[in-house]
Amino acid sequence: MLKAIKLKKLFGRFNYDIELKDEGITIITGPNGYGKSTVLTILDEFCNKSLGDVLQHTFESISFIADNDSITITKLKEHFKINDTKFRYPRDIDRVRRFGFPPYLRRVDENVFIDVRTNEHIVIEDPRVLRDFYPYDLEDNYWSAIIFDERVNLKNKSERRDEIEKASFIIKTLKQDIGQVRFIKEQRLIEKRITSSEERRSYSSSKIEYVTVISENAGKLKKEIEKAMGKHSALANQLDSSYITRLFETKEKMDKVSFEANLRDLQQKQEKLKHYGLAEIKNTSKLRYMPEFAKDLFVYFCDAIEKYKVFESLISKLDLYERIVNSKLSFKKMILSREDGISVVTDEKQNLELTSLSSGEQEILVLYYKLIFESDVNLLLIDEPEISLHVAWQKEILDDFKQIVALNKSVQVIISTHSPQIISGNWNVQIDLGEQYNG
């Protein structure tokens, strides 16, 4: 679990000591230009991308401190250091020599380059050449020691290999301690998708598409529901096929009190399933306790509990998503179903196109979908959740986030925001970068 981030001379100016809050949610605030989003970006790049991406930022040093491990990356003029071990910055000539990576390609975006001769956009398909500092991405690339020593003869290959292996181990161990990281960026309604050619080359022509996320999420939720339905069907077949055997083998019986309690619980669960169209529901209102069927009832309710467990996590998410979003919508409501995934209807029962909602309404649907359905991670980074949201909605965000964290108690959340309404009185979880800089 991540404990702290320490930065020296970010942008050549700012020194920050960011200690994550024990409450599980940390809010980073500060004026524009103080590096709130950059801190989240560097953390995401360290955990999900490469050391090369981190080294492209302007800072003197950055430290990541977790429960059991820590690392300090220091940038010097000719070298950089992983803790106390020094490495030289690799040069582009090494990439060209190793991969035949053409010098006329210029990076214009993440994983996207442009051919300066033709202005054609290029996607790098070989993951190795995506890293501007590939020899020091330090992920089992032992050959990088050989490249290093072709240029610098300060140490023999064996010693340099040991140093790279040690640095690689430190990085991997820290990443494992931090866990899975998800970064929800400020641009959420429209996302870029890159479609590459099917040819297996180190680089290839690509097509860049922009996707309306709110419509895409409706399809994703349909697939998520169908996936749960498939698991339920498989389990039901398995239990039904062994029902007679288990009935004869069991010695347990259900008394009338247990029967009535289990029946009430089952009926509540069936209402949940019916609400989202998750299963064909049999009418249980006429069930009556009969002592001669005490063993049958015991097995029946055990099976019903097992079958419902398939849906339990999904229903918890559906309930929370529906409750939060519908508490904010006016004159309309969101409906979640197996048929449509996500739909919105007016109070007059008129179906609305998701893209016809206001920007604030779309932000609510997209942001909370990401938070609830796509954030089963250990560390969640959220940049500017207040975008397009009414002040009243901003004041509710932290309480909403606490409900979401309750679904995944192991998750940490770091929020970057300009909005004092997001804090909404929770000053104990705030870290103000302006105060740290100005003292």
Protein backbone atom coordinates (compact mmCIF):
# COMPACT_ATOMS: atom_id res chain seq x y z
CA MET A 1 0.00 0.00 0.00
CA LEU A 2 1.31 3.44 -0.95
CA LYS A 3 2.12 5.65 2.03
CA ALA A 4 3.71 8.80 0.61
CA ILE A 5 5.09 10.63 -2.43
CA LYS A 6 7.95 13.08 -2.03
CA LEU A 7 9.01 15.45 -4.80
CA LYS A 8 11.97 17.81 -5.02
CA LYS A 9 12.08 20.61 -7.57
CA LEU A 10 9.05 19.61 -9.62
CA PHE A 11 9.16 21.98 -12.64
CA GLY A 12 12.43 23.17 -11.10
CA ARG A 13 10.50 24.87 -8.29
CA PHE A 14 8.17 22.85 -6.04
CA ASN A 15 9.03 20.58 -3.11
CA TYR A 16 6.14 18.42 -1.93
CA ASP A 17 5.65 15.87 0.82
CA ILE A 18 2.35 14.06 0.16
CA GLU A 19 1.40 11.58 2.86
CA LEU A 20 -1.70 9.56 2.04
CA LYS A 21 -4.49 9.70 4.59
CA ASP A 22 -5.45 6.75 6.78
CA GLU A 23 -9.13 7.33 5.90
CA GLY A 24 -8.44 5.85 2.43
CA ILE A 25 -9.19 9.07 0.52
CA THR A 26 -6.62 11.84 -0.06
CA ILE A 27 -7.57 15.12 -1.76
CA ILE A 28 -4.78 17.13 -3.40
CA THR A 29 -5.61 20.80 -3.98
CA GLY A 30 -3.65 23.83 -5.13
CA PRO A 31 -3.59 26.64 -7.68
CA ASN A 32 -3.26 26.00 -11.41
CA GLY A 33 0.30 25.22 -12.43
CA TYR A 34 1.35 23.72 -9.09
CA GLY A 35 1.47 20.17 -10.45
CA LYS A 36 -1.60 18.41 -9.01
CA SER A 37 -2.35 16.50 -12.19
CA THR A 38 1.34 15.94 -12.89
CA VAL A 39 1.77 14.15 -9.56
CA LEU A 40 -1.02 11.71 -10.50
CA THR A 41 0.40 11.32 -14.02
CA ILE A 42 3.89 10.45 -12.76
CA LEU A 43 2.48 7.93 -10.29
CA ASP A 44 0.38 6.31 -13.04
CA GLU A 45 3.39 6.18 -15.39
CA PHE A 46 5.62 4.61 -12.76
CA CYS A 47 3.07 1.89 -11.95
CA ASN A 48 1.55 1.25 -15.39
CA LYS A 49 4.03 2.42 -18.01
CA SER A 50 7.79 2.77 -17.88
CA LEU A 51 10.62 4.45 -16.09
CA GLY A 52 11.31 6.29 -19.32
CA ASP A 53 7.94 8.06 -19.13
CA VAL A 54 8.69 9.15 -15.55
CA LEU A 55 12.12 10.50 -16.51
CA GLN A 56 10.61 12.79 -19.14
CA HIS A 57 9.14 15.00 -16.41
CA THR A 58 11.07 17.89 -14.90
CA PHE A 59 12.09 17.21 -11.31
CA GLU A 60 15.20 16.73 -9.21
CA SER A 61 14.00 13.64 -7.37
CA ILE A 62 10.85 11.71 -6.63
CA SER A 63 10.31 9.11 -3.91
CA PHE A 64 7.54 6.55 -3.66
CA ILE A 65 7.15 5.08 -0.17
CA ALA A 66 5.00 2.01 0.45
CA ASP A 67 4.39 -0.29 3.41
CA ASN A 68 7.52 -2.37 2.98
CA ASP A 69 9.51 -0.72 0.21
CA SER A 70 10.58 2.65 -1.14
CA ILE A 71 12.41 4.04 -4.13
CA THR A 72 13.98 7.37 -4.96
CA ILE A 73 14.55 8.35 -8.59
CA THR A 74 17.02 11.21 -8.94
CA LYS A 75 17.71 13.11 -12.15
CA LEU A 76 21.20 14.52 -12.68
CA LYS A 77 22.64 16.24 -15.73
CA GLU A 78 24.33 13.23 -17.32
CA HIS A 79 22.94 10.45 -15.16
CA PHE A 80 19.91 9.35 -13.21
CA LYS A 81 19.89 7.26 -10.05
CA ILE A 82 17.69 4.46 -8.72
CA ASN A 83 18.26 4.92 -4.99
CA ASP A 84 22.10 5.03 -4.87
CA THR A 85 22.84 3.29 -8.18
CA LYS A 86 23.77 5.55 -11.08
CA PHE A 87 22.83 5.04 -14.75
CA ARG A 88 23.48 7.14 -17.82
CA TYR A 89 20.56 8.32 -19.90
CA PRO A 90 20.33 6.12 -23.02
CA ARG A 91 20.61 7.79 -26.39
CA ASP A 92 18.28 7.45 -29.38
CA ILE A 93 21.12 5.89 -31.38
CA ASP A 94 20.80 2.76 -29.22
CA ARG A 95 17.15 2.34 -30.16
CA VAL A 96 17.97 2.79 -33.84
CA ARG A 97 20.82 0.28 -33.70
CA ARG A 98 18.86 -2.33 -31.76
CA PHE A 99 15.45 -2.13 -33.45
CA GLY A 100 16.02 -0.31 -36.72
CA PHE A 101 13.75 2.39 -35.27
CA PRO A 102 13.73 5.11 -37.96
CA PRO A 103 14.95 8.57 -36.88
CA TYR A 104 12.26 10.33 -38.94
CA LEU A 105 9.55 9.29 -36.45
CA ARG A 106 8.60 11.92 -33.89
CA ARG A 107 6.48 11.22 -30.83
CA VAL A 108 3.26 13.27 -30.75
CA ASP A 109 1.18 11.43 -28.16
CA GLU A 110 1.18 8.36 -25.95
CA ASN A 111 2.19 5.42 -28.20
CA VAL A 112 1.56 7.60 -31.28
CA PHE A 113 4.29 8.93 -33.58
CA ILE A 114 4.28 10.92 -36.80
CA ASP A 115 6.36 10.28 -39.89
CA VAL A 116 7.79 13.76 -40.56
CA ARG A 117 8.26 12.92 -44.25
CA THR A 118 4.56 12.21 -44.92
CA ASN A 119 2.74 13.47 -41.79
CA GLU A 120 1.34 9.94 -41.40
CA HIS A 121 0.39 8.90 -37.87
CA ILE A 122 2.13 5.76 -36.67
CA VAL A 123 1.36 3.42 -33.77
CA ILE A 124 4.27 1.47 -32.30
CA GLU A 125 3.10 -2.13 -31.97
CA ASP A 126 6.30 -3.59 -30.55
CA PRO A 127 6.02 -2.70 -26.83
CA ARG A 128 9.78 -2.52 -26.50
CA VAL A 129 10.18 0.50 -28.75
CA LEU A 130 7.42 2.40 -27.00
CA ARG A 131 9.83 3.30 -24.24
CA ASP A 132 11.98 6.33 -24.91
CA PHE A 133 14.38 4.99 -22.30
CA TYR A 134 13.95 1.33 -23.09
CA PRO A 135 17.38 0.06 -21.95
CA TYR A 136 16.51 1.31 -18.46
CA ASP A 137 12.91 0.23 -18.26
CA LEU A 138 14.56 -2.40 -16.07
CA GLU A 139 12.15 -5.27 -16.68
CA ASP A 140 14.31 -8.36 -17.21
CA ASN A 141 16.19 -6.72 -20.07
CA TYR A 142 19.61 -8.12 -19.34
CA TRP A 143 20.86 -7.28 -22.82
CA SER A 144 20.68 -3.61 -21.82
CA ALA A 145 23.82 -4.15 -19.75
CA ILE A 146 25.64 -5.10 -22.93
CA ILE A 147 24.44 -1.98 -24.76
CA PHE A 148 25.48 0.14 -21.79
CA ASP A 149 28.99 -1.29 -21.77
CA GLU A 150 29.37 -0.83 -25.53
CA ARG A 151 29.27 2.87 -24.75
CA VAL A 152 30.77 3.09 -21.28
CA ASN A 153 33.60 0.88 -20.03
CA LEU A 154 33.44 1.83 -16.35
CA LYS A 155 32.36 -1.61 -15.16
CA ASN A 156 32.36 -5.09 -16.53
CA LYS A 157 29.18 -6.61 -17.92
CA SER A 158 28.58 -8.88 -14.95
CA GLU A 159 28.68 -6.05 -12.42
CA ARG A 160 26.44 -3.85 -14.55
CA ARG A 161 23.98 -6.70 -15.03
CA ASP A 162 23.82 -7.18 -11.25
CA GLU A 163 23.07 -3.49 -10.79
CA ILE A 164 20.28 -3.56 -13.35
CA GLU A 165 18.80 -6.70 -11.83
CA LYS A 166 18.88 -5.06 -8.39
CA ALA A 167 17.18 -1.89 -9.65
CA SER A 168 14.63 -3.99 -11.54
CA PHE A 169 13.84 -5.98 -8.39
CA ILE A 170 13.36 -2.79 -6.36
CA ILE A 171 10.93 -1.36 -8.93
CA LYS A 172 8.94 -4.58 -9.29
CA THR A 173 8.71 -5.13 -5.54
CA LEU A 174 7.44 -1.59 -4.97
CA LYS A 175 4.86 -1.92 -7.75
CA GLN A 176 3.60 -5.12 -6.17
CA ASP A 177 3.37 -3.38 -2.79
CA ILE A 178 1.35 -0.51 -4.29
CA GLY A 179 -0.85 -2.91 -6.27
CA GLN A 180 -3.03 -2.25 -9.31
CA VAL A 181 -3.47 1.42 -10.22
CA ARG A 182 -6.24 3.02 -12.29
CA PHE A 183 -6.09 6.65 -13.47
CA ILE A 184 -9.41 8.35 -14.30
CA LYS A 185 -8.35 11.43 -16.25
CA GLU A 186 -10.18 14.72 -16.62
CA GLN A 187 -11.27 13.97 -20.21
CA ARG A 188 -13.94 11.33 -19.70
CA LEU A 189 -16.79 11.87 -22.16
CA ILE A 190 -14.72 11.36 -25.32
CA GLU A 191 -11.80 8.94 -25.40
CA LYS A 192 -9.30 8.17 -28.12
CA ARG A 193 -9.06 4.67 -29.53
CA ILE A 194 -6.22 3.57 -31.80
CA THR A 195 -6.83 0.84 -34.38
CA SER A 196 -3.61 -0.55 -35.86
CA SER A 197 -3.07 -2.56 -39.01
CA GLU A 198 -2.94 -6.32 -38.60
CA GLU A 199 0.56 -6.58 -40.02
CA ARG A 200 3.21 -7.71 -37.56
CA ARG A 201 5.75 -4.93 -37.83
CA SER A 202 7.61 -2.92 -35.25
CA TYR A 203 5.58 0.07 -36.41
CA SER A 204 2.53 0.39 -38.64
CA SER A 205 -0.05 2.79 -39.96
CA SER A 206 -2.93 3.37 -37.58
CA LYS A 207 -6.40 4.79 -37.42
CA ILE A 208 -7.33 7.08 -34.56
CA GLU A 209 -10.98 7.07 -33.50
CA TYR A 210 -12.81 9.08 -30.86
CA VAL A 211 -15.43 7.17 -28.90
CA THR A 212 -18.43 8.55 -27.01
CA VAL A 213 -17.87 6.86 -23.67
CA ILE A 214 -21.43 7.09 -22.33
CA SER A 215 -22.76 5.00 -25.24
CA GLU A 216 -19.86 2.57 -24.97
CA ASN A 217 -20.59 2.04 -21.27
CA ALA A 218 -24.14 0.88 -22.04
CA GLY A 219 -22.70 -1.90 -24.19
CA LYS A 220 -20.11 -2.77 -21.57
CA LEU A 221 -22.77 -3.16 -18.89
CA LYS A 222 -24.85 -5.43 -21.13
CA LYS A 223 -21.80 -7.68 -21.53
CA GLU A 224 -21.14 -7.62 -17.79
CA ILE A 225 -24.71 -8.71 -17.10
CA GLU A 226 -24.57 -11.43 -19.77
CA LYS A 227 -21.33 -12.70 -18.26
CA ALA A 228 -23.01 -13.04 -14.85
CA MET A 229 -26.01 -14.73 -16.48
CA GLY A 230 -23.71 -17.27 -18.08
CA LYS A 231 -22.07 -18.10 -14.76
CA HIS A 232 -25.48 -18.40 -13.12
CA SER A 233 -26.72 -20.76 -15.81
CA ALA A 234 -23.65 -23.00 -15.51
CA LEU A 235 -23.95 -23.16 -11.72
CA ALA A 236 -27.71 -23.84 -11.87
CA ASN A 237 -27.15 -26.77 -14.23
CA GLN A 238 -24.44 -28.14 -11.97
CA LEU A 239 -26.59 -27.90 -8.83
CA ASP A 240 -29.71 -29.24 -10.49
CA SER A 241 -27.88 -32.28 -11.84
CA SER A 242 -26.66 -33.23 -8.37
CA TYR A 243 -29.83 -32.30 -6.47
CA ILE A 244 -31.12 -35.84 -5.87
CA THR A 245 -27.73 -37.11 -4.72
CA ARG A 246 -27.30 -34.27 -2.27
CA LEU A 247 -30.86 -34.68 -1.02
CA PHE A 248 -30.25 -38.31 -0.07
CA GLU A 249 -26.84 -37.55 1.44
CA THR A 250 -27.86 -34.62 3.67
CA LYS A 251 -28.90 -35.15 7.26
CA GLU A 252 -29.88 -31.51 7.77
CA LYS A 253 -33.48 -30.41 8.07
CA MET A 254 -35.12 -27.00 8.05
CA ASP A 255 -37.52 -26.02 10.80
CA LYS A 256 -40.41 -23.62 10.35
CA VAL A 257 -38.64 -20.56 11.82
CA SER A 258 -35.65 -21.01 9.52
CA PHE A 259 -37.96 -21.63 6.59
CA GLU A 260 -39.82 -18.35 7.09
CA ALA A 261 -36.60 -16.36 7.54
CA ASN A 262 -35.02 -17.91 4.44
CA LEU A 263 -38.17 -17.39 2.41
CA ARG A 264 -38.28 -13.67 3.23
CA ASP A 265 -34.60 -13.35 2.31
CA LEU A 266 -35.12 -15.26 -0.93
CA GLN A 267 -38.07 -13.09 -1.94
CA GLN A 268 -36.01 -9.92 -1.38
CA LYS A 269 -33.21 -11.32 -3.52
CA GLN A 270 -35.66 -12.33 -6.22
CA GLU A 271 -37.00 -8.78 -6.33
CA LYS A 272 -33.45 -7.54 -6.95
CA LEU A 273 -32.96 -10.02 -9.76
CA LYS A 274 -36.32 -9.11 -11.28
CA HIS A 275 -35.56 -5.39 -11.05
CA TYR A 276 -32.53 -5.75 -13.32
CA GLY A 277 -33.92 -8.60 -15.43
CA LEU A 278 -31.20 -10.95 -14.27
CA ALA A 279 -33.18 -14.17 -13.97
CA GLU A 280 -36.51 -15.77 -14.61
CA ILE A 281 -38.26 -15.58 -11.25
CA LYS A 282 -40.56 -18.29 -9.97
CA ASN A 283 -43.41 -17.19 -7.71
CA THR A 284 -42.56 -18.25 -4.13
CA SER A 285 -45.45 -16.48 -2.41
CA LYS A 286 -47.44 -19.73 -2.11
CA LEU A 287 -44.66 -21.76 -0.54
CA ARG A 288 -45.69 -23.22 2.82
CA TYR A 289 -43.68 -25.09 5.41
CA MET A 290 -44.32 -28.82 5.43
CA PRO A 291 -42.36 -30.94 7.94
CA GLU A 292 -42.23 -33.96 5.66
CA PHE A 293 -40.21 -31.89 3.16
CA ALA A 294 -37.79 -30.43 5.73
CA LYS A 295 -34.73 -31.99 4.03
CA ASP A 296 -35.90 -30.90 0.57
CA LEU A 297 -36.35 -27.33 1.78
CA PHE A 298 -32.89 -27.29 3.34
CA VAL A 299 -31.22 -28.31 0.07
CA TYR A 300 -33.44 -25.98 -1.96
CA PHE A 301 -32.54 -22.88 0.06
CA CYS A 302 -28.84 -23.81 0.13
CA ASP A 303 -28.93 -23.95 -3.67
CA ALA A 304 -30.82 -20.64 -3.89
CA ILE A 305 -28.14 -18.94 -1.78
CA GLU A 306 -25.34 -20.34 -3.97
CA LYS A 307 -27.07 -19.25 -7.16
CA TYR A 308 -27.59 -15.72 -5.87
CA LYS A 309 -23.92 -15.36 -4.92
CA VAL A 310 -23.10 -15.24 -8.63
CA PHE A 311 -25.00 -11.95 -8.87
CA GLU A 312 -24.21 -10.54 -5.43
CA SER A 313 -21.21 -8.36 -6.34
CA LEU A 314 -22.82 -7.14 -9.57
CA ILE A 315 -26.10 -6.26 -7.83
CA SER A 316 -24.24 -4.30 -5.16
CA LYS A 317 -22.64 -2.24 -7.93
CA LEU A 318 -25.88 -1.85 -9.86
CA ASP A 319 -27.72 -0.71 -6.73
CA LEU A 320 -25.07 1.85 -5.83
CA TYR A 321 -24.76 3.17 -9.38
CA GLU A 322 -28.52 3.53 -9.77
CA ARG A 323 -28.96 5.12 -6.34
CA ILE A 324 -26.19 7.72 -6.77
CA VAL A 325 -27.04 8.72 -10.33
CA ASN A 326 -30.81 8.91 -9.83
CA SER A 327 -30.36 11.04 -6.72
CA LYS A 328 -28.88 13.71 -8.99
CA LEU A 329 -31.08 13.55 -12.09
CA SER A 330 -34.14 15.79 -12.38
CA PHE A 331 -37.32 14.95 -14.34
CA LYS A 332 -35.76 11.71 -15.54
CA LYS A 333 -34.19 8.52 -14.24
CA MET A 334 -31.56 6.03 -15.27
CA ILE A 335 -32.62 2.42 -15.78
CA LEU A 336 -30.16 -0.49 -15.72
CA SER A 337 -31.23 -3.68 -17.47
CA ARG A 338 -30.09 -6.78 -19.24
CA GLU A 339 -31.67 -5.57 -22.49
CA ASP A 340 -30.20 -2.06 -22.78
CA GLY A 341 -27.42 -1.92 -20.21
CA ILE A 342 -27.99 1.77 -19.45
CA SER A 343 -30.97 3.83 -20.54
CA VAL A 344 -32.59 7.07 -19.39
CA VAL A 345 -36.31 7.85 -19.44
CA THR A 346 -38.20 11.02 -18.60
CA ASP A 347 -40.93 11.20 -15.97
CA GLU A 348 -43.32 10.97 -18.92
CA LYS A 349 -41.77 7.58 -19.90
CA GLN A 350 -39.99 8.98 -22.96
CA ASN A 351 -36.69 7.32 -23.82
CA LEU A 352 -33.76 9.69 -24.18
CA GLU A 353 -30.59 9.23 -26.19
CA LEU A 354 -27.68 9.08 -23.73
CA THR A 355 -25.74 11.59 -25.83
CA SER A 356 -28.66 14.05 -25.61
CA LEU A 357 -28.17 14.48 -21.85
CA SER A 358 -26.47 17.63 -20.61
CA SER A 359 -22.69 17.55 -20.23
CA GLY A 360 -23.08 17.48 -16.45
CA GLU A 361 -25.51 14.55 -16.59
CA GLN A 362 -23.20 12.67 -18.94
CA GLU A 363 -20.26 13.33 -16.59
CA ILE A 364 -22.24 11.86 -13.71
CA LEU A 365 -23.12 8.70 -15.65
CA VAL A 366 -19.57 8.24 -17.01
CA LEU A 367 -17.63 9.13 -13.85
CA TYR A 368 -19.63 6.89 -11.55
CA TYR A 369 -19.61 4.05 -14.06
CA LYS A 370 -15.81 4.16 -14.07
CA LEU A 371 -15.67 4.40 -10.29
CA ILE A 372 -18.09 1.57 -9.59
CA PHE A 373 -17.60 -0.90 -12.46
CA GLU A 374 -14.04 -0.29 -13.64
CA SER A 375 -12.09 0.38 -10.47
CA ASP A 376 -11.50 -2.96 -8.77
CA VAL A 377 -7.94 -1.86 -8.04
CA ASN A 378 -5.72 -1.04 -5.08
CA LEU A 379 -5.06 2.60 -5.93
CA LEU A 380 -7.53 4.86 -7.74
CA LEU A 381 -6.37 8.21 -9.15
CA ILE A 382 -9.05 10.74 -10.11
CA ASP A 383 -8.27 14.03 -11.83
CA GLU A 384 -10.76 16.89 -11.49
CA PRO A 385 -13.97 14.99 -10.73
CA GLU A 386 -15.83 18.30 -10.54
CA ILE A 387 -15.74 18.96 -14.31
CA SER A 388 -19.19 20.10 -15.61
CA LEU A 389 -20.85 19.30 -12.27
CA HIS A 390 -23.23 21.63 -10.44
CA VAL A 391 -21.96 22.89 -7.08
CA ALA A 392 -24.60 20.83 -5.27
CA TRP A 393 -23.31 17.68 -6.96
CA GLN A 394 -19.71 18.59 -6.12
CA LYS A 395 -20.61 18.78 -2.44
CA GLU A 396 -21.96 15.23 -2.59
CA ILE A 397 -18.96 13.67 -4.33
CA LEU A 398 -16.92 12.78 -1.26
CA ASP A 399 -19.86 11.07 0.44
CA ASP A 400 -20.47 9.18 -2.82
CA PHE A 401 -16.81 8.15 -2.97
CA LYS A 402 -16.97 6.84 0.59
CA GLN A 403 -19.85 4.55 -0.42
CA ILE A 404 -17.84 3.34 -3.40
CA VAL A 405 -14.76 2.69 -1.26
CA ALA A 406 -16.97 0.64 1.06
CA LEU A 407 -17.49 -1.82 -1.83
CA ASN A 408 -13.73 -2.31 -2.04
CA LYS A 409 -12.26 -1.67 1.39
CA SER A 410 -8.69 -2.28 0.20
CA VAL A 411 -8.72 0.59 -2.31
CA GLN A 412 -6.94 3.92 -1.79
CA VAL A 413 -8.22 7.01 -3.59
CA ILE A 414 -6.22 10.12 -4.52
CA ILE A 415 -8.23 13.02 -5.93
CA SER A 416 -6.81 16.10 -7.64
CA THR A 417 -9.22 19.04 -7.64
CA HIS A 418 -9.60 22.81 -7.89
CA SER A 419 -12.96 22.76 -6.18
CA PRO A 420 -13.34 23.56 -2.45
CA GLN A 421 -16.85 22.09 -2.69
CA ILE A 422 -15.32 18.64 -3.25
CA ILE A 423 -13.74 18.83 0.21
CA SER A 424 -17.11 19.74 1.72
CA GLY A 425 -15.79 20.05 5.26
CA ASN A 426 -13.47 17.02 5.09
CA TRP A 427 -10.35 19.09 5.66
CA ASN A 428 -8.68 16.19 7.45
CA VAL A 429 -8.11 14.41 4.12
CA GLN A 430 -6.88 17.47 2.20
CA ILE A 431 -3.28 18.25 1.18
CA ASP A 432 -2.83 21.74 -0.24
CA LEU A 433 0.20 22.06 -2.50
CA GLY A 434 -0.07 25.84 -2.38
CA GLU A 435 0.38 25.79 1.39
CA GLN A 436 3.36 23.46 1.13
CA TYR A 437 5.08 25.71 -1.42
CA ASN A 438 4.27 29.02 0.24
CA GLY A 439 4.81 27.75 3.76
